[in-house]
C-alpha atoms as a PDB file:
ATOM      1  CA  MET A   1    -216.133 169.819  86.765  1.00  0.00           C
ATOM      2  CA  ALA A   2    -212.723 170.236  85.197  1.00  0.00           C
ATOM      3  CA  ARG A   3    -210.816 173.350  86.246  1.00  0.00           C
ATOM      4  CA  ILE A   4    -207.680 175.206  85.221  1.00  0.00           C
ATOM      5  CA  THR A   5    -205.556 175.327  88.367  1.00  0.00           C
ATOM      6  CA  ALA A   6    -202.330 176.914  87.114  1.00  0.00           C
ATOM      7  CA  GLY A   7    -200.586 178.485  84.169  1.00  0.00           C
ATOM      8  CA  ILE A   8    -196.958 178.064  83.171  1.00  0.00           C
ATOM      9  CA  ALA A   9    -194.981 180.226  80.762  1.00  0.00           C
ATOM     10  CA  THR A  10    -191.650 179.121  79.394  1.00  0.00           C
ATOM     11  CA  SER A  11    -189.242 179.555  76.522  1.00  0.00           C
ATOM     12  CA  HIS A  12    -188.854 176.482  74.299  1.00  0.00           C
ATOM     13  CA  VAL A  13    -185.311 176.949  72.971  1.00  0.00           C
ATOM     14  CA  PRO A  14    -184.379 173.799  70.985  1.00  0.00           C
ATOM     15  CA  LEU A  15    -180.833 173.802  72.394  1.00  0.00           C
ATOM     16  CA  LEU A  16    -182.274 172.943  75.816  1.00  0.00           C
ATOM     17  CA  GLY A  17    -183.574 169.667  74.428  1.00  0.00           C
ATOM     18  CA  VAL A  18    -180.115 168.904  73.046  1.00  0.00           C
ATOM     19  CA  ALA A  19    -178.511 169.725  76.416  1.00  0.00           C
ATOM     20  CA  SER A  20    -180.890 167.421  78.254  1.00  0.00           C
ATOM     21  CA  ASP A  21    -180.581 164.602  75.733  1.00  0.00           C
ATOM     22  CA  GLN A  22    -176.766 164.777  75.861  1.00  0.00           C
ATOM     23  CA  GLY A  23    -176.551 165.018  79.665  1.00  0.00           C
ATOM     24  CA  LYS A  24    -175.195 168.579  79.648  1.00  0.00           C
ATOM     25  CA  ASP A  25    -178.023 170.172  81.646  1.00  0.00           C
ATOM     26  CA  ARG A  26    -175.856 170.740  84.733  1.00  0.00           C
ATOM     27  CA  ASP A  27    -172.645 171.917  83.118  1.00  0.00           C
ATOM     28  CA  ALA A  28    -171.287 175.446  83.540  1.00  0.00           C
ATOM     29  CA  TYR A  29    -173.295 176.897  80.657  1.00  0.00           C
ATOM     30  CA  PHE A  30    -176.642 175.140  80.990  1.00  0.00           C
ATOM     31  CA  GLY A  31    -176.653 174.619  84.769  1.00  0.00           C
ATOM     32  CA  PRO A  32    -178.022 178.081  85.687  1.00  0.00           C
ATOM     33  CA  ILE A  33    -180.739 177.741  83.049  1.00  0.00           C
ATOM     34  CA  PHE A  34    -181.992 174.357  84.233  1.00  0.00           C
ATOM     35  CA  ALA A  35    -181.639 175.342  87.896  1.00  0.00           C
ATOM     36  CA  GLY A  36    -184.358 177.927  87.349  1.00  0.00           C
ATOM     37  CA  TYR A  37    -186.785 175.054  86.710  1.00  0.00           C
ATOM     38  CA  ASP A  38    -185.895 172.995  89.794  1.00  0.00           C
ATOM     39  CA  TRP A  39    -188.614 174.680  91.837  1.00  0.00           C
ATOM     40  CA  THR A  40    -191.231 173.942  89.185  1.00  0.00           C
ATOM     41  CA  ARG A  41    -190.224 170.301  88.801  1.00  0.00           C
ATOM     42  CA  ALA A  42    -190.637 169.770  92.554  1.00  0.00           C
ATOM     43  CA  TRP A  43    -193.924 171.689  92.565  1.00  0.00           C
ATOM     44  CA  GLN A  44    -195.287 169.625  89.683  1.00  0.00           C
ATOM     45  CA  GLN A  45    -194.718 166.442  91.663  1.00  0.00           C
ATOM     46  CA  ALA A  46    -197.268 167.741  94.169  1.00  0.00           C
ATOM     47  CA  GLU A  47    -199.637 169.324  91.629  1.00  0.00           C
ATOM     48  CA  LYS A  48    -199.941 166.243  89.412  1.00  0.00           C
ATOM     49  CA  PRO A  49    -202.035 167.777  86.620  1.00  0.00           C
ATOM     50  CA  ASP A  50    -204.239 165.309  84.767  1.00  0.00           C
ATOM     51  CA  VAL A  51    -204.031 167.278  81.526  1.00  0.00           C
ATOM     52  CA  VAL A  52    -201.851 170.081  80.178  1.00  0.00           C
ATOM     53  CA  ILE A  53    -203.168 172.285  77.394  1.00  0.00           C
ATOM     54  CA  LEU A  54    -199.861 173.194  75.793  1.00  0.00           C
ATOM     55  CA  ILE A  55    -199.793 176.303  73.611  1.00  0.00           C
ATOM     56  CA  TYR A  56    -196.846 176.195  71.208  1.00  0.00           C
ATOM     57  CA  ASN A  57    -195.884 176.866  67.625  1.00  0.00           C
ATOM     58  CA  ASP A  58    -194.889 174.324  65.036  1.00  0.00           C
ATOM     59  CA  HIS A  59    -191.532 174.891  63.307  1.00  0.00           C
ATOM     60  CA  ALA A  60    -192.327 173.446  59.851  1.00  0.00           C
ATOM     61  CA  SER A  61    -192.631 169.941  61.291  1.00  0.00           C
ATOM     62  CA  ALA A  62    -196.391 169.276  61.097  1.00  0.00           C
ATOM     63  CA  PHE A  63    -197.289 172.309  58.968  1.00  0.00           C
ATOM     64  CA  ASP A  64    -195.553 173.971  56.049  1.00  0.00           C
ATOM     65  CA  MET A  65    -196.409 176.609  53.468  1.00  0.00           C
ATOM     66  CA  LYS A  66    -199.101 174.325  52.045  1.00  0.00           C
ATOM     67  CA  ILE A  67    -201.289 174.828  55.120  1.00  0.00           C
ATOM     68  CA  ILE A  68    -200.950 177.517  57.786  1.00  0.00           C
ATOM     69  CA  PRO A  69    -203.631 177.262  60.484  1.00  0.00           C
ATOM     70  CA  THR A  70    -203.865 180.256  62.793  1.00  0.00           C
ATOM     71  CA  PHE A  71    -205.081 178.053  65.649  1.00  0.00           C
ATOM     72  CA  ALA A  72    -204.922 174.234  65.520  1.00  0.00           C
ATOM     73  CA  ILE A  73    -205.918 171.830  68.306  1.00  0.00           C
ATOM     74  CA  GLY A  74    -204.698 168.251  68.545  1.00  0.00           C
ATOM     75  CA  CYS A  75    -207.519 165.798  69.253  1.00  0.00           C
ATOM     76  CA  GLY A  76    -205.536 162.585  68.748  1.00  0.00           C
ATOM     77  CA  GLU A  77    -204.582 159.755  71.062  1.00  0.00           C
ATOM     78  CA  ARG A  78    -200.804 160.069  70.753  1.00  0.00           C
ATOM     79  CA  TYR A  79    -198.125 162.300  69.224  1.00  0.00           C
ATOM     80  CA  ALA A  80    -194.593 161.203  68.330  1.00  0.00           C
ATOM     81  CA  SER A  81    -191.548 163.453  68.464  1.00  0.00           C
ATOM     82  CA  ALA A  82    -190.817 165.044  65.088  1.00  0.00           C
ATOM     83  CA  ASP A  83    -187.586 164.633  63.159  1.00  0.00           C
ATOM     84  CA  GLU A  84    -186.415 168.234  62.762  1.00  0.00           C
ATOM     85  CA  GLY A  85    -183.460 167.323  60.581  1.00  0.00           C
ATOM     86  CA  TRP A  86    -181.201 165.463  63.014  1.00  0.00           C
ATOM     87  CA  GLY A  87    -183.504 162.630  64.098  1.00  0.00           C
ATOM     88  CA  ALA A  88    -186.392 162.577  66.542  1.00  0.00           C
ATOM     89  CA  ARG A  89    -185.591 163.449  70.151  1.00  0.00           C
ATOM     90  CA  PRO A  90    -185.235 160.373  72.413  1.00  0.00           C
ATOM     91  CA  VAL A  91    -188.245 161.331  74.516  1.00  0.00           C
ATOM     92  CA  PRO A  92    -191.532 159.508  75.185  1.00  0.00           C
ATOM     93  CA  ASP A  93    -194.483 159.893  72.873  1.00  0.00           C
ATOM     94  CA  VAL A  94    -197.014 162.448  74.083  1.00  0.00           C
ATOM     95  CA  GLU A  95    -200.343 160.971  75.179  1.00  0.00           C
ATOM     96  CA  GLY A  96    -203.366 163.074  74.284  1.00  0.00           C
ATOM     97  CA  HIS A  97    -206.783 163.420  75.918  1.00  0.00           C
ATOM     98  CA  PRO A  98    -209.179 163.128  72.944  1.00  0.00           C
ATOM     99  CA  ASP A  99    -212.391 163.463  74.964  1.00  0.00           C
ATOM    100  CA  LEU A 100    -211.435 166.784  76.538  1.00  0.00           C
ATOM    101  CA  ALA A 101    -209.756 167.979  73.332  1.00  0.00           C
ATOM    102  CA  TRP A 102    -212.880 167.359  71.236  1.00  0.00           C
ATOM    103  CA  HIS A 103    -215.007 169.044  73.892  1.00  0.00           C
ATOM    104  CA  ILE A 104    -212.730 172.107  73.818  1.00  0.00           C
ATOM    105  CA  ALA A 105    -212.704 172.126  70.005  1.00  0.00           C
ATOM    106  CA  GLN A 106    -216.494 172.036  69.834  1.00  0.00           C
ATOM    107  CA  SER A 107    -216.823 174.729  72.491  1.00  0.00           C
ATOM    108  CA  LEU A 108    -214.306 177.006  70.766  1.00  0.00           C
ATOM    109  CA  VAL A 109    -215.947 176.659  67.352  1.00  0.00           C
ATOM    110  CA  LEU A 110    -219.373 177.410  68.852  1.00  0.00           C
ATOM    111  CA  ASP A 111    -217.694 180.334  70.635  1.00  0.00           C
ATOM    112  CA  GLU A 112    -216.783 181.615  67.138  1.00  0.00           C
ATOM    113  CA  PHE A 113    -213.114 180.567  67.005  1.00  0.00           C
ATOM    114  CA  ASP A 114    -212.394 178.844  63.696  1.00  0.00           C
ATOM    115  CA  MET A 115    -210.178 176.028  64.911  1.00  0.00           C
ATOM    116  CA  THR A 116    -208.265 173.595  62.730  1.00  0.00           C
ATOM    117  CA  ILE A 117    -208.698 170.107  64.198  1.00  0.00           C
ATOM    118  CA  ILE A 118    -205.690 167.796  63.923  1.00  0.00           C
ATOM    119  CA  ASN A 119    -205.998 164.067  64.608  1.00  0.00           C
ATOM    120  CA  GLU A 120    -202.513 162.988  63.508  1.00  0.00           C
ATOM    121  CA  MET A 121    -199.270 164.963  63.725  1.00  0.00           C
ATOM    122  CA  ASP A 122    -195.750 164.822  65.100  1.00  0.00           C
ATOM    123  CA  VAL A 123    -194.738 167.451  67.636  1.00  0.00           C
ATOM    124  CA  ASP A 124    -191.422 169.277  67.621  1.00  0.00           C
ATOM    125  CA  HIS A 125    -189.245 171.064  70.181  1.00  0.00           C
ATOM    126  CA  GLY A 126    -191.894 173.729  70.690  1.00  0.00           C
ATOM    127  CA  LEU A 127    -193.849 171.134  72.655  1.00  0.00           C
ATOM    128  CA  THR A 128    -191.286 168.575  73.831  1.00  0.00           C
ATOM    129  CA  VAL A 129    -188.729 171.020  75.285  1.00  0.00           C
ATOM    130  CA  PRO A 130    -191.258 172.503  77.765  1.00  0.00           C
ATOM    131  CA  LEU A 131    -192.142 168.962  78.886  1.00  0.00           C
ATOM    132  CA  THR A 132    -188.444 168.238  79.415  1.00  0.00           C
ATOM    133  CA  MET A 133    -187.965 171.428  81.420  1.00  0.00           C
ATOM    134  CA  MET A 134    -190.889 170.572  83.731  1.00  0.00           C
ATOM    135  CA  TYR A 135    -190.409 166.799  84.037  1.00  0.00           C
ATOM    136  CA  GLY A 136    -186.833 165.883  83.156  1.00  0.00           C
ATOM    137  CA  LYS A 137    -186.349 162.442  81.619  1.00  0.00           C
ATOM    138  CA  PRO A 138    -189.236 160.180  82.675  1.00  0.00           C
ATOM    139  CA  ALA A 139    -189.974 156.858  80.991  1.00  0.00           C
ATOM    140  CA  ALA A 140    -193.403 158.307  80.165  1.00  0.00           C
ATOM    141  CA  TRP A 141    -194.698 161.857  80.480  1.00  0.00           C
ATOM    142  CA  PRO A 142    -196.692 162.014  83.747  1.00  0.00           C
ATOM    143  CA  THR A 143    -199.567 164.016  82.255  1.00  0.00           C
ATOM    144  CA  LYS A 144    -201.775 163.900  79.199  1.00  0.00           C
ATOM    145  CA  VAL A 145    -201.298 166.772  76.765  1.00  0.00           C
ATOM    146  CA  ILE A 146    -203.617 168.645  74.428  1.00  0.00           C
ATOM    147  CA  PRO A 147    -201.424 170.413  71.833  1.00  0.00           C
ATOM    148  CA  LEU A 148    -202.696 173.779  70.637  1.00  0.00           C
ATOM    149  CA  ALA A 149    -200.569 175.276  67.878  1.00  0.00           C
ATOM    150  CA  VAL A 150    -200.563 178.997  67.071  1.00  0.00           C
ATOM    151  CA  ASN A 151    -199.137 180.449  63.876  1.00  0.00           C
ATOM    152  CA  VAL A 152    -196.365 182.863  64.846  1.00  0.00           C
ATOM    153  CA  VAL A 153    -194.090 181.938  61.944  1.00  0.00           C
ATOM    154  CA  THR A 154    -195.816 183.292  58.844  1.00  0.00           C
ATOM    155  CA  TYR A 155    -197.479 186.693  58.548  1.00  0.00           C
ATOM    156  CA  PRO A 156    -200.116 187.444  59.712  1.00  0.00           C
ATOM    157  CA  PRO A 157    -199.989 185.999  63.231  1.00  0.00           C
ATOM    158  CA  PRO A 158    -203.003 186.511  65.511  1.00  0.00           C
ATOM    159  CA  SER A 159    -203.105 189.616  67.672  1.00  0.00           C
ATOM    160  CA  GLY A 160    -202.360 189.511  71.367  1.00  0.00           C
ATOM    161  CA  ASN A 161    -205.964 190.455  72.042  1.00  0.00           C
ATOM    162  CA  ARG A 162    -207.237 187.503  70.000  1.00  0.00           C
ATOM    163  CA  CYS A 163    -204.874 185.157  71.825  1.00  0.00           C
ATOM    164  CA  TRP A 164    -206.011 186.456  75.219  1.00  0.00           C
ATOM    165  CA  ALA A 165    -209.654 186.017  74.155  1.00  0.00           C
ATOM    166  CA  LEU A 166    -208.869 182.462  73.013  1.00  0.00           C
ATOM    167  CA  GLY A 167    -207.568 181.754  76.509  1.00  0.00           C
ATOM    168  CA  GLU A 168    -210.800 183.087  78.002  1.00  0.00           C
ATOM    169  CA  ALA A 169    -212.765 180.790  75.691  1.00  0.00           C
ATOM    170  CA  ILE A 170    -210.592 177.808  76.639  1.00  0.00           C
ATOM    171  CA  ARG A 171    -211.349 178.466  80.309  1.00  0.00           C
ATOM    172  CA  ARG A 172    -215.084 178.437  79.578  1.00  0.00           C
ATOM    173  CA  ALA A 173    -214.683 175.207  77.619  1.00  0.00           C
ATOM    174  CA  VAL A 174    -212.743 173.449  80.368  1.00  0.00           C
ATOM    175  CA  GLU A 175    -215.177 174.529  83.078  1.00  0.00           C
ATOM    176  CA  SER A 176    -218.095 173.113  81.066  1.00  0.00           C
ATOM    177  CA  TYR A 177    -216.504 169.650  80.933  1.00  0.00           C
ATOM    178  CA  GLY A 178    -218.183 167.292  83.368  1.00  0.00           C
ATOM    179  CA  GLU A 179    -215.254 165.129  84.478  1.00  0.00           C
ATOM    180  CA  ASP A 180    -213.261 166.196  87.538  1.00  0.00           C
ATOM    181  CA  LEU A 181    -209.865 167.037  86.061  1.00  0.00           C
ATOM    182  CA  ASN A 182    -206.902 169.090  87.251  1.00  0.00           C
ATOM    183  CA  VAL A 183    -205.923 171.031  84.124  1.00  0.00           C
ATOM    184  CA  GLN A 184    -202.931 173.296  83.579  1.00  0.00           C
ATOM    185  CA  ILE A 185    -202.345 175.571  80.606  1.00  0.00           C
ATOM    186  CA  TRP A 186    -198.838 176.369  79.380  1.00  0.00           C
ATOM    187  CA  GLY A 187    -197.814 179.215  77.090  1.00  0.00           C
ATOM    188  CA  THR A 188    -194.463 178.657  75.394  1.00  0.00           C
ATOM    189  CA  GLY A 189    -191.978 180.419  73.113  1.00  0.00           C
ATOM    190  CA  GLY A 190    -190.072 183.678  73.334  1.00  0.00           C
ATOM    191  CA  MET A 191    -188.619 185.691  74.854  1.00  0.00           C
ATOM    192  CA  SER A 192    -186.986 188.485  72.839  1.00  0.00           C
ATOM    193  CA  HIS A 193    -184.860 187.093  70.018  1.00  0.00           C
ATOM    194  CA  GLN A 194    -184.084 187.452  66.360  1.00  0.00           C
ATOM    195  CA  LEU A 195    -182.480 184.692  64.325  1.00  0.00           C
ATOM    196  CA  GLN A 196    -181.492 186.518  61.137  1.00  0.00           C
ATOM    197  CA  GLY A 197    -180.538 189.835  59.575  1.00  0.00           C
ATOM    198  CA  PRO A 198    -178.603 192.786  61.015  1.00  0.00           C
ATOM    199  CA  ARG A 199    -180.333 192.470  64.403  1.00  0.00           C
ATOM    200  CA  ALA A 200    -179.639 188.745  64.832  1.00  0.00           C
ATOM    201  CA  GLY A 201    -178.966 188.026  68.498  1.00  0.00           C
ATOM    202  CA  LEU A 202    -181.148 190.880  69.790  1.00  0.00           C
ATOM    203  CA  ILE A 203    -182.121 190.502  73.468  1.00  0.00           C
ATOM    204  CA  ASN A 204    -184.145 193.149  75.312  1.00  0.00           C
ATOM    205  CA  ARG A 205    -183.971 192.360  79.038  1.00  0.00           C
ATOM    206  CA  GLU A 206    -185.927 195.413  80.128  1.00  0.00           C
ATOM    207  CA  TRP A 207    -188.847 194.706  77.805  1.00  0.00           C
ATOM    208  CA  ASP A 208    -188.843 190.989  78.654  1.00  0.00           C
ATOM    209  CA  ASN A 209    -189.092 191.682  82.374  1.00  0.00           C
ATOM    210  CA  ARG A 210    -191.860 194.249  81.915  1.00  0.00           C
ATOM    211  CA  PHE A 211    -193.769 191.577  80.008  1.00  0.00           C
ATOM    212  CA  LEU A 212    -193.265 189.107  82.861  1.00  0.00           C
ATOM    213  CA  ASP A 213    -194.475 191.766  85.310  1.00  0.00           C
ATOM    214  CA  GLY A 214    -197.614 192.316  83.240  1.00  0.00           C
ATOM    215  CA  LEU A 215    -198.694 188.672  83.434  1.00  0.00           C
ATOM    216  CA  THR A 216    -199.195 188.967  87.199  1.00  0.00           C
ATOM    217  CA  GLY A 217    -202.111 190.725  88.870  1.00  0.00           C
ATOM    218  CA  GLU A 218    -205.281 191.884  87.157  1.00  0.00           C
ATOM    219  CA  GLY A 219    -204.051 194.237  84.460  1.00  0.00           C
ATOM    220  CA  ASP A 220    -204.634 193.321  80.826  1.00  0.00           C
ATOM    221  CA  ASP A 221    -202.470 195.882  79.027  1.00  0.00           C
ATOM    222  CA  LEU A 222    -200.401 193.117  77.405  1.00  0.00           C
ATOM    223  CA  ARG A 223    -203.295 192.064  75.199  1.00  0.00           C
ATOM    224  CA  ARG A 224    -203.146 195.411  73.402  1.00  0.00           C
ATOM    225  CA  ILE A 225    -199.450 195.360  72.430  1.00  0.00           C
ATOM    226  CA  PRO A 226    -199.369 195.741  68.619  1.00  0.00           C
ATOM    227  CA  HIS A 227    -197.377 193.467  66.342  1.00  0.00           C
ATOM    228  CA  LEU A 228    -195.025 196.326  65.450  1.00  0.00           C
ATOM    229  CA  GLU A 229    -193.959 196.753  69.068  1.00  0.00           C
ATOM    230  CA  TYR A 230    -193.047 193.075  69.350  1.00  0.00           C
ATOM    231  CA  LEU A 231    -191.041 193.393  66.127  1.00  0.00           C
ATOM    232  CA  ARG A 232    -189.301 196.624  67.150  1.00  0.00           C
ATOM    233  CA  GLU A 233    -188.556 195.760  70.777  1.00  0.00           C
ATOM    234  CA  THR A 234    -188.169 191.973  70.809  1.00  0.00           C
ATOM    235  CA  GLY A 235    -187.018 191.002  67.331  1.00  0.00           C
ATOM    236  CA  SER A 236    -188.751 189.024  64.624  1.00  0.00           C
ATOM    237  CA  GLU A 237    -189.180 185.918  66.790  1.00  0.00           C
ATOM    238  CA  GLY A 238    -190.362 187.790  69.891  1.00  0.00           C
ATOM    239  CA  ILE A 239    -193.912 187.573  68.507  1.00  0.00           C
ATOM    240  CA  GLU A 240    -193.966 184.076  70.038  1.00  0.00           C
ATOM    241  CA  MET A 241    -194.899 185.754  73.318  1.00  0.00           C
ATOM    242  CA  VAL A 242    -198.492 186.191  72.131  1.00  0.00           C
ATOM    243  CA  MET A 243    -198.799 182.489  72.962  1.00  0.00           C
ATOM    244  CA  TRP A 244    -198.193 183.346  76.620  1.00  0.00           C
ATOM    245  CA  LEU A 245    -201.291 185.535  76.411  1.00  0.00           C
ATOM    246  CA  VAL A 246    -203.464 182.497  75.604  1.00  0.00           C
ATOM    247  CA  MET A 247    -202.298 181.050  78.917  1.00  0.00           C
ATOM    248  CA  ARG A 248    -202.873 184.313  80.777  1.00  0.00           C
ATOM    249  CA  GLY A 249    -206.358 184.781  79.350  1.00  0.00           C
ATOM    250  CA  ALA A 250    -207.324 181.312  80.583  1.00  0.00           C
ATOM    251  CA  LEU A 251    -206.451 182.141  84.199  1.00  0.00           C
ATOM    252  CA  GLY A 252    -209.214 184.682  84.762  1.00  0.00           C
ATOM    253  CA  LYS A 253    -209.189 188.267  85.923  1.00  0.00           C
ATOM    254  CA  ARG A 254    -206.348 188.087  88.435  1.00  0.00           C
ATOM    255  CA  THR A 255    -203.223 185.984  88.895  1.00  0.00           C
ATOM    256  CA  ARG A 256    -200.428 185.660  91.409  1.00  0.00           C
ATOM    257  CA  ALA A 257    -196.917 184.485  90.637  1.00  0.00           C
ATOM    258  CA  LEU A 258    -195.494 181.455  92.423  1.00  0.00           C
ATOM    259  CA  HIS A 259    -192.121 181.263  90.683  1.00  0.00           C
ATOM    260  CA  ARG A 260    -190.136 183.358  88.208  1.00  0.00           C
ATOM    261  CA  HIS A 261    -186.885 182.760  86.355  1.00  0.00           C
ATOM    262  CA  TYR A 262    -185.073 184.874  83.770  1.00  0.00           C
ATOM    263  CA  HIS A 263    -181.588 184.135  82.445  1.00  0.00           C
ATOM    264  CA  VAL A 264    -179.314 185.439  79.691  1.00  0.00           C
ATOM    265  CA  PRO A 265    -177.905 183.934  77.556  1.00  0.00           C
ATOM    266  CA  CYS A 266    -179.317 180.689  76.204  1.00  0.00           C
ATOM    267  CA  SER A 267    -178.192 180.169  72.647  1.00  0.00           C
ATOM    268  CA  ASN A 268    -179.063 183.554  71.077  1.00  0.00           C
ATOM    269  CA  THR A 269    -182.009 184.400  73.299  1.00  0.00           C
ATOM    270  CA  ALA A 270    -183.101 184.804  76.909  1.00  0.00           C
ATOM    271  CA  ILE A 271    -184.861 182.228  79.049  1.00  0.00           C
ATOM    272  CA  GLY A 272    -188.118 183.325  80.639  1.00  0.00           C
ATOM    273  CA  HIS A 273    -190.197 181.160  82.959  1.00  0.00           C
ATOM    274  CA  LEU A 274    -193.186 181.956  85.156  1.00  0.00           C
ATOM    275  CA  VAL A 275    -195.629 179.887  87.215  1.00  0.00           C
ATOM    276  CA  LEU A 276    -199.004 181.509  87.862  1.00  0.00           C
ATOM    277  CA  ARG A 277    -202.043 180.647  89.931  1.00  0.00           C
ATOM    278  CA  PRO A 278    -205.540 182.039  89.288  1.00  0.00           C
ATOM    279  CA  ASP A 279    -206.341 184.378  92.181  1.00  0.00           C
ATOM    280  CA  ASN A 280    -209.925 185.033  93.224  1.00  0.00           C
ATOM    281  CA  GLY A 281    -208.814 187.794  95.584  1.00  0.00           C
ATOM    282  CA  GLU A 282    -209.475 185.793  98.719  1.00  0.00           C
ATOM    283  CA  GLY A 283    -205.871 184.942  99.453  1.00  0.00           C
ATOM    284  CA  LEU A 284    -204.041 181.666  98.934  1.00  0.00           C
ATOM    285  CA  ASP A 285    -206.298 178.783  97.994  1.00  0.00           C
ATOM    286  CA  MET A 286    -203.569 176.214  98.699  1.00  0.00           C
ATOM    287  CA  THR A 287    -201.137 175.979 101.578  1.00  0.00           C
ATOM    288  CA  ASP A 288    -198.220 174.368  99.768  1.00  0.00           C
ATOM    289  CA  ASP A 289    -197.513 176.923  97.042  1.00  0.00           C
ATOM    290  CA  GLY A 290    -194.158 177.874  98.508  1.00  0.00           C
ATOM    291  CA  ALA A 291    -193.970 180.948  96.324  1.00  0.00           C
ATOM    292  CA  ASP A 292    -190.447 181.647  95.089  1.00  0.00           C
ATOM    293  CA  LEU A 293    -190.218 184.839  93.077  1.00  0.00           C
ATOM    294  CA  ALA A 294    -186.451 185.069  92.720  1.00  0.00           C
ATOM    295  CA  THR A 295    -185.196 185.914  89.260  1.00  0.00           C
ATOM    296  CA  ALA A 296    -181.950 184.762  87.751  1.00  0.00           C
ATOM    297  CA  ALA A 297    -180.237 187.044  85.244  1.00  0.00           C
ATOM    298  CA  ALA A 298    -176.687 186.035  84.527  1.00  0.00           C
END
């Protein structure tokens, strides 16, 4: 059967796509940010996931105020990079996995999640920047991707508890798929940041790192953080971190961290990155994890 073998959390700051596209990813400013992903890029070469379920939010590229799905799953064959106002990024198209995507969509709807099913859409930096951070600049992305968009732009966004439960339902869906597939799930967005108003530029390192701590182990306190706490402690855009909880919910009761990276600043936010493995409590299930839990906080 298919199985979820790992979860990845990462910020999806659009400026990182610009830095990569313009060859600035190793300069004095961006170098420490991209260096925090070197471990993951090497690890991914060994992991070779067949499919990534990529949890992200659309930034008025595929959706606008005419339609605001709380949860939308891409079931198409291919997704082009969106033009976000300065031309589409020069990155490969994203290849989907329609068979698995439709299976997950059916399973989620029967599991009482009202999913919006998308067969055609362009994908913006919320999805392409994480791929760049994990894979660099390949001629083609080395994995198929199932986009799953979460509304964290327009009130009301889903609760952390609902996102965690969605992850649990995704795990059940994947494990009921008959083909032998190595599946990863990525939660993207965040960390603390606010883009407008008197608190523009807000970064809360202490809260961010407590959130990273809470994704590891078997605690589930993060699913009960109310919207007002995200707003108060992490700024208006910090609510994006509920998307990380979809990833965490899909990994089962317990996780262990393989790699962690946190860096300030990147544009007007912080960079957070975490690689997690489901942990059944019986110790390491692979011998080549090479866990590296160093954090970077400039």
